[in-house]
N, C-alpha and C. Protein backbone atom coordinates (compact mmCIF):
# COMPACT_ATOMS: atom_id res chain seq x y z
N UNK A 1 11.92 100.87 136.55
CA UNK A 1 13.07 101.35 137.27
C UNK A 1 14.32 100.83 136.57
N UNK A 2 15.13 101.72 136.11
CA UNK A 2 16.35 101.31 135.44
C UNK A 2 17.57 101.75 136.21
N UNK A 3 18.66 101.09 135.96
CA UNK A 3 19.90 101.40 136.67
C UNK A 3 20.53 102.70 136.19
N UNK A 4 20.09 103.24 135.07
CA UNK A 4 20.72 104.43 134.53
C UNK A 4 20.07 105.72 135.02
N UNK A 5 18.95 105.62 135.74
CA UNK A 5 18.32 106.83 136.26
C UNK A 5 19.09 107.34 137.46
N UNK A 6 19.48 108.58 137.41
CA UNK A 6 20.34 109.16 138.44
C UNK A 6 19.66 109.23 139.81
N UNK A 7 18.35 109.47 139.85
CA UNK A 7 17.65 109.62 141.12
C UNK A 7 17.27 108.28 141.74
N UNK A 8 17.38 107.20 141.00
CA UNK A 8 16.88 105.92 141.47
C UNK A 8 17.99 104.92 141.78
N UNK A 9 18.97 104.84 140.93
CA UNK A 9 19.98 103.79 141.02
C UNK A 9 20.73 103.83 142.35
N UNK A 10 20.68 102.72 143.07
CA UNK A 10 21.41 102.51 144.33
C UNK A 10 21.04 103.50 145.44
N UNK A 11 19.95 104.24 145.27
CA UNK A 11 19.53 105.20 146.31
C UNK A 11 18.20 104.81 146.95
N UNK A 12 17.35 104.09 146.22
CA UNK A 12 16.03 103.72 146.72
C UNK A 12 15.99 102.20 146.89
N UNK A 13 15.50 101.69 148.01
CA UNK A 13 15.40 100.23 148.20
C UNK A 13 14.45 99.60 147.19
N UNK A 14 14.64 98.33 146.92
CA UNK A 14 13.84 97.62 145.93
C UNK A 14 12.36 97.60 146.31
N UNK A 15 12.04 97.47 147.57
CA UNK A 15 10.65 97.35 148.00
C UNK A 15 9.91 98.68 148.05
N UNK A 16 10.58 99.79 147.86
CA UNK A 16 9.95 101.11 147.90
C UNK A 16 9.48 101.49 146.51
N UNK A 17 8.25 102.01 146.43
CA UNK A 17 7.72 102.43 145.14
C UNK A 17 8.15 103.86 144.84
N UNK A 18 8.13 104.20 143.54
CA UNK A 18 8.50 105.55 143.13
C UNK A 18 7.37 106.16 142.33
N UNK A 19 7.38 107.46 142.17
CA UNK A 19 6.38 108.16 141.38
C UNK A 19 6.72 108.00 139.89
N UNK A 20 5.70 107.63 139.10
CA UNK A 20 5.90 107.51 137.66
C UNK A 20 5.86 108.91 137.06
N UNK A 21 6.87 109.24 136.24
CA UNK A 21 7.00 110.59 135.72
C UNK A 21 6.01 110.90 134.60
N UNK A 22 5.87 109.99 133.65
CA UNK A 22 5.02 110.24 132.49
C UNK A 22 4.18 109.00 132.21
N UNK A 23 3.02 108.85 132.87
CA UNK A 23 2.24 107.61 132.75
C UNK A 23 1.34 107.55 131.52
N UNK A 24 1.89 107.64 130.36
CA UNK A 24 1.10 107.47 129.14
C UNK A 24 1.91 106.66 128.13
N UNK A 25 1.22 105.96 127.22
CA UNK A 25 1.93 105.11 126.27
C UNK A 25 2.68 105.93 125.23
N UNK A 26 3.63 105.32 124.55
CA UNK A 26 4.34 106.04 123.50
C UNK A 26 3.43 106.36 122.31
N UNK A 27 3.86 107.25 121.47
CA UNK A 27 3.06 107.67 120.32
C UNK A 27 2.92 106.59 119.26
N UNK A 28 3.69 105.53 119.34
CA UNK A 28 3.62 104.49 118.32
C UNK A 28 2.41 103.59 118.50
N UNK A 29 1.73 103.63 119.66
CA UNK A 29 0.53 102.83 119.88
C UNK A 29 -0.66 103.49 119.21
N UNK A 30 -1.59 102.68 118.72
CA UNK A 30 -2.81 103.22 118.13
C UNK A 30 -3.71 103.78 119.22
N UNK A 31 -4.47 104.78 118.87
CA UNK A 31 -5.39 105.37 119.82
C UNK A 31 -6.51 104.40 120.14
N UNK A 32 -7.09 104.52 121.32
CA UNK A 32 -8.16 103.61 121.73
C UNK A 32 -9.41 103.84 120.90
N UNK A 33 -9.69 105.06 120.57
CA UNK A 33 -10.89 105.40 119.79
C UNK A 33 -10.54 105.65 118.33
N UNK A 34 -9.69 104.82 117.77
CA UNK A 34 -9.26 104.97 116.38
C UNK A 34 -10.43 104.73 115.44
N UNK A 35 -10.60 105.57 114.43
CA UNK A 35 -11.67 105.42 113.46
C UNK A 35 -11.42 104.16 112.61
N UNK A 36 -12.45 103.35 112.47
CA UNK A 36 -12.33 102.10 111.71
C UNK A 36 -13.01 102.25 110.36
N UNK A 37 -12.51 101.52 109.39
CA UNK A 37 -13.12 101.52 108.08
C UNK A 37 -14.34 100.62 108.05
N UNK A 38 -15.12 100.72 107.02
CA UNK A 38 -16.34 99.93 106.88
C UNK A 38 -16.14 98.89 105.78
N UNK A 39 -16.72 97.71 105.98
CA UNK A 39 -16.70 96.65 104.98
C UNK A 39 -18.12 96.45 104.51
N UNK A 40 -18.34 96.53 103.21
CA UNK A 40 -19.70 96.41 102.70
C UNK A 40 -20.13 94.94 102.71
N UNK A 41 -21.42 94.68 102.87
CA UNK A 41 -21.92 93.31 102.83
C UNK A 41 -21.66 92.63 101.48
N UNK A 42 -21.65 93.40 100.40
CA UNK A 42 -21.39 92.82 99.08
C UNK A 42 -19.95 92.29 99.00
N UNK A 43 -19.01 93.02 99.57
CA UNK A 43 -17.62 92.56 99.56
C UNK A 43 -17.46 91.31 100.41
N UNK A 44 -18.17 91.24 101.52
CA UNK A 44 -18.13 90.05 102.37
C UNK A 44 -18.71 88.85 101.64
N UNK A 45 -19.82 89.05 100.94
CA UNK A 45 -20.45 87.96 100.18
C UNK A 45 -19.54 87.49 99.05
N UNK A 46 -18.89 88.41 98.38
CA UNK A 46 -17.99 88.05 97.29
C UNK A 46 -16.79 87.25 97.81
N UNK A 47 -16.22 87.68 98.93
CA UNK A 47 -15.09 86.95 99.51
C UNK A 47 -15.52 85.56 99.96
N UNK A 48 -16.73 85.43 100.53
CA UNK A 48 -17.24 84.12 100.93
C UNK A 48 -17.47 83.21 99.73
N UNK A 49 -17.99 83.77 98.65
CA UNK A 49 -18.23 82.97 97.45
C UNK A 49 -16.92 82.49 96.83
N UNK A 50 -15.93 83.35 96.79
CA UNK A 50 -14.63 82.96 96.25
C UNK A 50 -13.98 81.90 97.13
N UNK A 51 -14.04 82.09 98.44
CA UNK A 51 -13.48 81.09 99.36
C UNK A 51 -14.19 79.76 99.25
N UNK A 52 -15.52 79.78 99.15
CA UNK A 52 -16.28 78.55 99.00
C UNK A 52 -15.96 77.84 97.69
N UNK A 53 -15.80 78.60 96.63
CA UNK A 53 -15.45 78.00 95.34
C UNK A 53 -14.07 77.35 95.39
N UNK A 54 -13.12 78.00 96.07
CA UNK A 54 -11.78 77.42 96.20
C UNK A 54 -11.79 76.13 97.02
N UNK A 55 -12.54 76.13 98.12
CA UNK A 55 -12.63 74.93 98.94
C UNK A 55 -13.34 73.82 98.19
N UNK A 56 -14.44 74.14 97.51
CA UNK A 56 -15.16 73.14 96.72
C UNK A 56 -14.31 72.58 95.59
N UNK A 57 -13.59 73.44 94.91
CA UNK A 57 -12.70 72.98 93.84
C UNK A 57 -11.60 72.08 94.37
N UNK A 58 -11.08 72.40 95.55
CA UNK A 58 -10.06 71.55 96.16
C UNK A 58 -10.60 70.19 96.52
N UNK A 59 -11.82 70.14 97.02
CA UNK A 59 -12.43 68.84 97.35
C UNK A 59 -12.66 68.00 96.10
N UNK A 60 -13.16 68.61 95.05
CA UNK A 60 -13.38 67.88 93.80
C UNK A 60 -12.06 67.38 93.24
N UNK A 61 -11.05 68.22 93.25
CA UNK A 61 -9.73 67.82 92.73
C UNK A 61 -9.15 66.68 93.57
N UNK A 62 -9.31 66.72 94.88
CA UNK A 62 -8.76 65.65 95.71
C UNK A 62 -9.51 64.35 95.49
N UNK A 63 -10.81 64.40 95.25
CA UNK A 63 -11.57 63.17 94.94
C UNK A 63 -11.14 62.59 93.60
N UNK A 64 -10.90 63.48 92.62
CA UNK A 64 -10.44 63.01 91.31
C UNK A 64 -9.07 62.36 91.43
N UNK A 65 -8.17 62.91 92.22
CA UNK A 65 -6.85 62.32 92.40
C UNK A 65 -6.96 60.98 93.12
N UNK A 66 -7.85 60.89 94.10
CA UNK A 66 -8.03 59.65 94.83
C UNK A 66 -8.59 58.56 93.91
N UNK A 67 -9.56 58.93 93.07
CA UNK A 67 -10.14 57.96 92.15
C UNK A 67 -9.14 57.53 91.08
N UNK A 68 -8.30 58.44 90.61
CA UNK A 68 -7.28 58.09 89.63
C UNK A 68 -6.25 57.13 90.23
N UNK A 69 -5.91 57.32 91.47
CA UNK A 69 -4.91 56.47 92.12
C UNK A 69 -5.40 55.06 92.36
N UNK A 70 -6.71 54.83 92.46
CA UNK A 70 -7.25 53.51 92.75
C UNK A 70 -7.46 52.67 91.51
N UNK A 71 -7.47 53.21 90.33
CA UNK A 71 -7.74 52.43 89.12
C UNK A 71 -6.51 51.64 88.75
N UNK A 72 -6.73 50.35 88.49
CA UNK A 72 -5.65 49.51 88.01
C UNK A 72 -4.84 48.80 89.06
N UNK A 73 -4.94 49.15 90.34
CA UNK A 73 -4.12 48.48 91.34
C UNK A 73 -4.72 47.16 91.75
N UNK A 74 -6.05 47.09 91.92
CA UNK A 74 -6.70 45.84 92.28
C UNK A 74 -6.64 45.51 93.75
N UNK A 75 -5.72 46.05 94.51
CA UNK A 75 -5.59 45.70 95.92
C UNK A 75 -6.65 46.39 96.78
N UNK A 76 -7.03 47.60 96.44
CA UNK A 76 -7.97 48.35 97.25
C UNK A 76 -9.42 48.21 96.79
N UNK A 77 -9.65 47.51 95.67
CA UNK A 77 -11.00 47.40 95.13
C UNK A 77 -11.80 46.38 95.94
N UNK A 78 -13.11 46.64 96.06
CA UNK A 78 -13.97 45.71 96.81
C UNK A 78 -14.85 44.93 95.90
């Protein structure tokens, strides 16, 4: 309910309901039964392998940086 509607503004009490003129969503919304694309299992496996390699490489690199930082200080050695 907006104040600019000629039939509604200052003529109908707030507690009274009105008839909805066009009860459907705008055209910019996607349809409920929109056709979806397919993702092949090979593409999923490839993306998983690449992601795993990146995470593994990051772990190895962080261990190498940690080990480089500990050499020569003497304070953290056991």
